[in-house]
Protein backbone atom coordinates (compact mmCIF):
# COMPACT_ATOMS: atom_id res chain seq x y z
CA MET A 1 -32.59 -10.53 -37.21
CA GLN A 2 -30.87 -10.43 -33.69
CA LYS A 3 -29.69 -7.16 -32.20
CA ILE A 4 -26.12 -6.67 -31.48
CA THR A 5 -25.78 -5.85 -27.82
CA ILE A 6 -23.03 -5.50 -25.08
CA GLY A 7 -21.70 -8.90 -24.67
CA THR A 8 -22.17 -10.04 -28.33
CA VAL A 9 -19.10 -11.93 -29.61
CA LEU A 10 -17.49 -10.53 -32.71
CA ASP A 11 -14.66 -11.69 -35.05
CA THR A 12 -12.36 -8.73 -35.47
CA LYS A 13 -8.67 -8.26 -36.95
CA HIS A 14 -7.71 -8.38 -33.24
CA GLY A 15 -9.24 -11.86 -32.62
CA ARG A 16 -12.54 -12.95 -31.24
CA ALA A 17 -13.86 -10.53 -28.50
CA LYS A 18 -16.98 -9.47 -26.69
CA VAL A 19 -18.51 -6.10 -27.21
CA THR A 20 -18.15 -3.88 -24.20
CA GLY A 21 -19.40 -0.52 -25.77
CA ILE A 22 -21.13 0.71 -28.90
CA ASP A 23 -20.74 4.22 -30.38
CA LEU A 24 -23.24 5.08 -33.10
CA HIS A 25 -22.06 7.63 -35.58
CA PRO A 26 -25.20 8.65 -37.43
CA VAL A 27 -23.48 10.94 -39.76
CA THR A 28 -20.43 9.16 -41.16
CA GLY A 29 -17.47 11.41 -42.19
CA ARG A 30 -18.44 14.21 -39.77
CA ILE A 31 -16.08 14.60 -36.87
CA ASP A 32 -17.96 17.46 -35.46
CA CYS A 33 -20.98 15.24 -34.86
CA PRO A 34 -20.62 13.31 -31.46
CA PRO A 35 -21.34 9.72 -31.35
CA ILE A 36 -24.43 8.27 -29.55
CA GLU A 37 -23.55 5.75 -26.85
CA MET A 38 -25.78 2.64 -27.33
CA THR A 39 -26.45 -0.67 -25.45
CA GLU A 40 -27.69 -2.34 -28.60
CA ILE A 41 -28.20 -1.87 -32.26
CA TRP A 42 -29.85 -3.52 -35.36
CA PRO A 43 -27.41 -5.24 -37.59
CA SER A 44 -28.48 -2.95 -40.42
CA LEU A 45 -26.56 -0.03 -38.48
CA ILE A 46 -23.34 -1.89 -37.96
CA ALA A 47 -21.41 0.18 -40.43
CA PHE A 48 -22.23 3.34 -38.55
CA CYS A 49 -20.64 2.00 -35.27
CA VAL A 50 -17.45 1.74 -33.61
CA PHE A 51 -17.30 -1.14 -30.99
CA ASP A 52 -15.15 -1.13 -27.75
CA LEU A 53 -13.90 -4.79 -27.09
CA ASP A 54 -13.14 -6.80 -23.96
CA ASN A 55 -9.56 -7.42 -25.22
CA GLY A 56 -8.77 -3.73 -25.00
CA HIS A 57 -9.02 -2.85 -28.69
CA TRP A 58 -11.80 -1.18 -30.80
CA ALA A 59 -13.06 -1.80 -34.28
CA TYR A 60 -15.09 -0.13 -36.91
CA GLY A 61 -18.47 -1.86 -37.81
CA ASP A 62 -17.32 -2.74 -41.24
CA GLU A 63 -14.39 -4.63 -39.89
CA VAL A 64 -16.37 -7.08 -37.69
CA THR A 65 -18.45 -10.18 -38.16
CA VAL A 66 -21.09 -11.33 -35.61
CA VAL A 67 -20.24 -14.88 -34.20
CA ASN A 68 -23.31 -17.03 -34.37
CA ASN A 69 -23.61 -18.47 -30.77
CA ASP A 70 -26.31 -21.02 -31.82
C-alpha cells in the first residue's frame, strides 16, 4: 500500500491532475475543526482529505482515484 503524496497523479471529475496540497479533516462534518496540512497520507485516510490539484481545482477524497504509475 503506497502513500499518497504531493505529486501523486489522481483521476478527478476535473480530469487527471497532480496533487499540490493535502488537507486532512480528522473529524468529518465539523467545520469548527481546522484541517491538518499534510505532505503524505495512507490510502485508508483518503475519505478524510481534500486535495489541491495542479490544474487549479480541488477535490474531496471520495471523488478521486489514484492513477497507478507502474
